[in-house]
Amino acid sequence: MSYITTHHGHQRIKIKGNNDVTSKEMEIAMKKKILLGLMALVSSVVFALPVATVERTYYATPEMKEVVGYFFQGCTFSAHTSWGVKTPYYIVGMEIPCN
């Protein structure tokens, strides 16, 4: 059974018999978990960066006479433009690897 007591001005939580943890210790443990979670999130975003600058113009048919869409993705997430629809019929205007 869990219960909270006050000991010398600090909250203490009694859990399962003789194990007791101060609220400060719990706060530190929670901060460590949050920090580890943030580090995992940042590392996943870093690995998800684009691998190349890509520019594509999309066409309605294989004859490529009618432009129906455009896509540009730079090496950063801030450089991104697109409009229209993506089709299987496209011309790559540029594809340069990111550093």
N, C-alpha and C. Protein backbone atom coordinates (compact mmCIF):
# COMPACT_ATOMS: atom_id res chain seq x y z
N MET A 1 0.84 -1.18 0.00
CA MET A 1 0.00 0.00 0.00
C MET A 1 0.88 1.24 0.00
N SER A 2 0.54 2.26 -0.80
CA SER A 2 1.31 3.49 -0.90
C SER A 2 0.68 4.57 -0.05
N TYR A 3 1.53 5.41 0.55
CA TYR A 3 1.03 6.57 1.27
C TYR A 3 2.11 7.63 1.32
N ILE A 4 1.71 8.87 1.56
CA ILE A 4 2.64 10.00 1.58
C ILE A 4 2.76 10.50 3.01
N THR A 5 3.99 10.75 3.44
CA THR A 5 4.22 11.33 4.76
C THR A 5 5.14 12.53 4.61
N THR A 6 5.25 13.34 5.64
CA THR A 6 6.17 14.46 5.63
C THR A 6 7.29 14.14 6.61
N HIS A 7 8.55 14.32 6.15
CA HIS A 7 9.71 13.99 6.98
C HIS A 7 10.71 15.13 6.84
N HIS A 8 10.94 15.88 7.90
CA HIS A 8 11.88 17.00 7.92
C HIS A 8 11.61 18.00 6.80
N GLY A 9 10.36 18.30 6.54
CA GLY A 9 9.99 19.29 5.55
C GLY A 9 9.96 18.78 4.11
N HIS A 10 10.28 17.53 3.87
CA HIS A 10 10.26 16.96 2.52
C HIS A 10 9.16 15.91 2.43
N GLN A 11 8.52 15.85 1.28
CA GLN A 11 7.54 14.79 1.09
C GLN A 11 8.28 13.50 0.83
N ARG A 12 7.81 12.44 1.44
CA ARG A 12 8.37 11.11 1.19
C ARG A 12 7.22 10.20 0.82
N ILE A 13 7.47 9.33 -0.13
CA ILE A 13 6.43 8.39 -0.55
C ILE A 13 6.88 6.99 -0.16
N LYS A 14 6.05 6.33 0.58
CA LYS A 14 6.35 4.98 1.03
C LYS A 14 5.70 4.01 0.05
N ILE A 15 6.52 3.14 -0.54
CA ILE A 15 6.01 2.21 -1.53
C ILE A 15 6.49 0.81 -1.19
N LYS A 16 5.58 -0.11 -1.08
CA LYS A 16 5.90 -1.53 -0.87
C LYS A 16 6.86 -1.74 0.30
N GLY A 17 6.44 -1.43 1.45
CA GLY A 17 7.24 -1.73 2.64
C GLY A 17 8.32 -0.71 2.94
N ASN A 18 9.60 -1.11 2.83
CA ASN A 18 10.70 -0.26 3.25
C ASN A 18 11.26 0.66 2.15
N ASN A 19 10.79 0.57 0.91
CA ASN A 19 11.29 1.43 -0.16
C ASN A 19 10.61 2.78 -0.06
N ASP A 20 11.38 3.84 0.14
CA ASP A 20 10.78 5.17 0.13
C ASP A 20 11.63 6.09 -0.74
N VAL A 21 10.92 6.96 -1.48
CA VAL A 21 11.54 7.85 -2.45
C VAL A 21 11.05 9.25 -2.17
N THR A 22 11.97 10.23 -2.15
CA THR A 22 11.55 11.61 -1.92
C THR A 22 10.96 12.17 -3.20
N SER A 23 10.17 13.22 -3.06
CA SER A 23 9.58 13.85 -4.24
C SER A 23 10.68 14.44 -5.12
N LYS A 24 11.79 14.87 -4.53
CA LYS A 24 12.91 15.41 -5.31
C LYS A 24 13.54 14.31 -6.16
N GLU A 25 13.70 13.12 -5.58
CA GLU A 25 14.24 11.99 -6.33
C GLU A 25 13.31 11.60 -7.48
N MET A 26 12.01 11.65 -7.24
CA MET A 26 11.04 11.34 -8.28
C MET A 26 11.11 12.39 -9.39
N GLU A 27 11.28 13.66 -9.00
CA GLU A 27 11.38 14.75 -9.98
C GLU A 27 12.62 14.56 -10.86
N ILE A 28 13.73 14.19 -10.26
CA ILE A 28 14.97 13.96 -11.01
C ILE A 28 14.79 12.79 -11.98
N ALA A 29 14.18 11.72 -11.50
CA ALA A 29 13.95 10.55 -12.37
C ALA A 29 13.05 10.92 -13.54
N MET A 30 12.01 11.72 -13.30
CA MET A 30 11.10 12.14 -14.36
C MET A 30 11.84 13.02 -15.37
N LYS A 31 12.68 13.93 -14.89
CA LYS A 31 13.44 14.80 -15.79
C LYS A 31 14.39 13.98 -16.66
N LYS A 32 14.99 12.93 -16.10
CA LYS A 32 15.87 12.06 -16.88
C LYS A 32 15.08 11.36 -17.99
N LYS A 33 13.89 10.89 -17.67
CA LYS A 33 13.06 10.21 -18.68
C LYS A 33 12.66 11.18 -19.79
N ILE A 34 12.30 12.40 -19.42
CA ILE A 34 11.92 13.41 -20.42
C ILE A 34 13.13 13.74 -21.30
N LEU A 35 14.30 13.90 -20.70
CA LEU A 35 15.50 14.21 -21.45
C LEU A 35 15.84 13.08 -22.43
N LEU A 36 15.75 11.85 -21.99
CA LEU A 36 16.01 10.71 -22.88
C LEU A 36 15.01 10.68 -24.03
N GLY A 37 13.75 10.97 -23.74
CA GLY A 37 12.73 11.01 -24.79
C GLY A 37 13.01 12.09 -25.81
N LEU A 38 13.41 13.28 -25.32
CA LEU A 38 13.74 14.38 -26.23
C LEU A 38 14.96 14.05 -27.08
N MET A 39 15.95 13.39 -26.49
CA MET A 39 17.13 13.00 -27.25
C MET A 39 16.77 12.01 -28.35
N ALA A 40 15.90 11.09 -28.06
CA ALA A 40 15.45 10.12 -29.07
C ALA A 40 14.70 10.82 -30.19
N LEU A 41 13.86 11.79 -29.82
CA LEU A 41 13.10 12.54 -30.83
C LEU A 41 14.04 13.34 -31.72
N VAL A 42 15.01 14.03 -31.14
CA VAL A 42 15.96 14.83 -31.92
C VAL A 42 16.76 13.93 -32.85
N SER A 43 17.23 12.80 -32.36
CA SER A 43 18.03 11.91 -33.22
C SER A 43 17.21 11.37 -34.37
N SER A 44 15.92 11.11 -34.16
CA SER A 44 15.10 10.61 -35.26
C SER A 44 14.87 11.70 -36.30
N VAL A 45 14.75 12.95 -35.88
CA VAL A 45 14.57 14.05 -36.83
C VAL A 45 15.85 14.27 -37.62
N VAL A 46 17.01 14.18 -36.97
CA VAL A 46 18.28 14.38 -37.66
C VAL A 46 18.45 13.34 -38.76
N PHE A 47 18.11 12.10 -38.48
CA PHE A 47 18.26 11.05 -39.48
C PHE A 47 17.19 11.12 -40.56
N ALA A 48 16.15 11.91 -40.35
CA ALA A 48 15.08 12.03 -41.33
C ALA A 48 15.28 13.20 -42.29
N LEU A 49 16.41 13.89 -42.20
CA LEU A 49 16.67 15.00 -43.11
C LEU A 49 16.77 14.49 -44.54
N PRO A 50 16.40 15.32 -45.51
CA PRO A 50 16.48 14.90 -46.91
C PRO A 50 17.92 14.53 -47.29
N VAL A 51 18.05 13.60 -48.22
CA VAL A 51 19.38 13.17 -48.67
C VAL A 51 19.80 13.88 -49.95
N ALA A 52 18.85 14.58 -50.59
CA ALA A 52 19.18 15.29 -51.83
C ALA A 52 18.22 16.44 -52.06
N THR A 53 18.70 17.44 -52.81
CA THR A 53 17.81 18.47 -53.32
C THR A 53 17.15 17.88 -54.56
N VAL A 54 15.82 17.92 -54.61
CA VAL A 54 15.08 17.29 -55.70
C VAL A 54 14.09 18.29 -56.28
N GLU A 55 14.03 18.32 -57.60
CA GLU A 55 13.04 19.13 -58.29
C GLU A 55 12.38 18.25 -59.35
N ARG A 56 11.06 18.18 -59.33
CA ARG A 56 10.32 17.37 -60.30
C ARG A 56 9.13 18.14 -60.83
N THR A 57 8.89 17.99 -62.13
CA THR A 57 7.69 18.54 -62.77
C THR A 57 6.84 17.36 -63.21
N TYR A 58 5.57 17.34 -62.78
CA TYR A 58 4.67 16.22 -63.05
C TYR A 58 3.72 16.55 -64.20
N TYR A 59 3.45 15.52 -65.02
CA TYR A 59 2.60 15.66 -66.19
C TYR A 59 1.39 14.73 -66.11
N ALA A 60 0.35 15.07 -66.84
CA ALA A 60 -0.91 14.31 -66.81
C ALA A 60 -0.78 12.98 -67.52
N THR A 61 0.00 12.92 -68.60
CA THR A 61 0.09 11.70 -69.42
C THR A 61 1.54 11.40 -69.77
N PRO A 62 1.80 10.22 -70.29
CA PRO A 62 3.17 9.88 -70.69
C PRO A 62 3.73 10.79 -71.78
N GLU A 63 2.85 11.44 -72.54
CA GLU A 63 3.32 12.35 -73.60
C GLU A 63 3.93 13.63 -73.01
N MET A 64 3.66 13.90 -71.75
CA MET A 64 4.22 15.03 -71.00
C MET A 64 3.96 16.38 -71.67
N LYS A 65 2.70 16.61 -72.01
CA LYS A 65 2.33 17.88 -72.63
C LYS A 65 1.64 18.83 -71.64
N GLU A 66 0.94 18.26 -70.65
CA GLU A 66 0.19 19.08 -69.69
C GLU A 66 0.80 18.95 -68.29
N VAL A 67 1.34 20.04 -67.76
CA VAL A 67 1.92 20.06 -66.41
C VAL A 67 0.77 20.08 -65.39
N VAL A 68 0.82 19.14 -64.46
CA VAL A 68 -0.24 19.07 -63.44
C VAL A 68 0.30 19.21 -62.02
N GLY A 69 1.64 19.27 -61.87
CA GLY A 69 2.20 19.41 -60.53
C GLY A 69 3.67 19.71 -60.55
N TYR A 70 4.16 20.14 -59.40
CA TYR A 70 5.56 20.51 -59.24
C TYR A 70 5.97 20.19 -57.81
N PHE A 71 7.23 19.78 -57.64
CA PHE A 71 7.75 19.48 -56.31
C PHE A 71 9.20 19.93 -56.24
N PHE A 72 9.55 20.62 -55.16
CA PHE A 72 10.93 20.97 -54.88
C PHE A 72 11.19 20.74 -53.40
N GLN A 73 12.26 20.00 -53.08
CA GLN A 73 12.69 19.79 -51.70
C GLN A 73 14.17 20.05 -51.62
N GLY A 74 14.55 21.06 -50.83
CA GLY A 74 15.96 21.35 -50.62
C GLY A 74 16.54 20.46 -49.53
N CYS A 75 17.77 20.73 -49.17
CA CYS A 75 18.45 19.92 -48.15
C CYS A 75 18.00 20.26 -46.73
N THR A 76 17.18 21.28 -46.57
CA THR A 76 16.61 21.60 -45.26
C THR A 76 15.10 21.57 -45.38
N PHE A 77 14.43 21.43 -44.26
CA PHE A 77 12.97 21.39 -44.29
C PHE A 77 12.37 22.74 -44.65
N SER A 78 13.13 23.80 -44.49
CA SER A 78 12.59 25.13 -44.79
C SER A 78 12.49 25.36 -46.30
N ALA A 79 13.27 24.64 -47.11
CA ALA A 79 13.23 24.81 -48.56
C ALA A 79 12.34 23.72 -49.16
N HIS A 80 11.05 24.00 -49.25
CA HIS A 80 10.11 23.01 -49.77
C HIS A 80 8.97 23.72 -50.47
N THR A 81 8.68 23.32 -51.70
CA THR A 81 7.58 23.88 -52.45
C THR A 81 6.91 22.76 -53.23
N SER A 82 5.58 22.76 -53.26
CA SER A 82 4.88 21.81 -54.11
C SER A 82 3.49 22.35 -54.40
N TRP A 83 2.96 21.95 -55.55
CA TRP A 83 1.60 22.29 -55.92
C TRP A 83 1.11 21.24 -56.90
N GLY A 84 -0.20 21.17 -57.05
CA GLY A 84 -0.79 20.21 -57.99
C GLY A 84 -0.75 18.79 -57.48
N VAL A 85 -0.67 17.86 -58.44
CA VAL A 85 -0.68 16.44 -58.09
C VAL A 85 0.60 15.77 -58.56
N LYS A 86 0.95 14.69 -57.85
CA LYS A 86 2.09 13.88 -58.26
C LYS A 86 1.56 12.72 -59.10
N THR A 87 2.19 12.50 -60.24
CA THR A 87 1.80 11.40 -61.13
C THR A 87 3.04 10.56 -61.43
N PRO A 88 2.85 9.41 -62.08
CA PRO A 88 4.02 8.61 -62.45
C PRO A 88 4.82 9.24 -63.60
N TYR A 89 4.29 10.32 -64.19
CA TYR A 89 4.92 10.93 -65.36
C TYR A 89 5.58 12.24 -64.93
N TYR A 90 6.89 12.20 -64.73
CA TYR A 90 7.59 13.40 -64.28
C TYR A 90 8.98 13.49 -64.89
N ILE A 91 9.51 14.69 -64.88
CA ILE A 91 10.88 14.95 -65.30
C ILE A 91 11.63 15.47 -64.08
N VAL A 92 12.80 14.91 -63.85
CA VAL A 92 13.63 15.39 -62.76
C VAL A 92 14.44 16.55 -63.28
N GLY A 93 14.16 17.75 -62.76
CA GLY A 93 14.90 18.92 -63.18
C GLY A 93 16.24 19.04 -62.48
N MET A 94 16.29 18.52 -61.27
CA MET A 94 17.52 18.61 -60.48
C MET A 94 17.46 17.54 -59.39
N GLU A 95 18.57 16.90 -59.14
CA GLU A 95 18.70 15.96 -58.03
C GLU A 95 20.16 15.99 -57.59
N ILE A 96 20.44 16.77 -56.55
CA ILE A 96 21.81 16.98 -56.08
C ILE A 96 21.92 16.46 -54.65
N PRO A 97 22.86 15.57 -54.34
CA PRO A 97 23.00 15.06 -52.98
C PRO A 97 23.30 16.18 -51.98
N CYS A 98 22.75 16.06 -50.80
CA CYS A 98 23.04 17.00 -49.72
C CYS A 98 24.40 16.63 -49.11
N ASN A 99 25.06 17.61 -48.54
CA ASN A 99 26.37 17.36 -47.91
C ASN A 99 26.21 16.68 -46.60
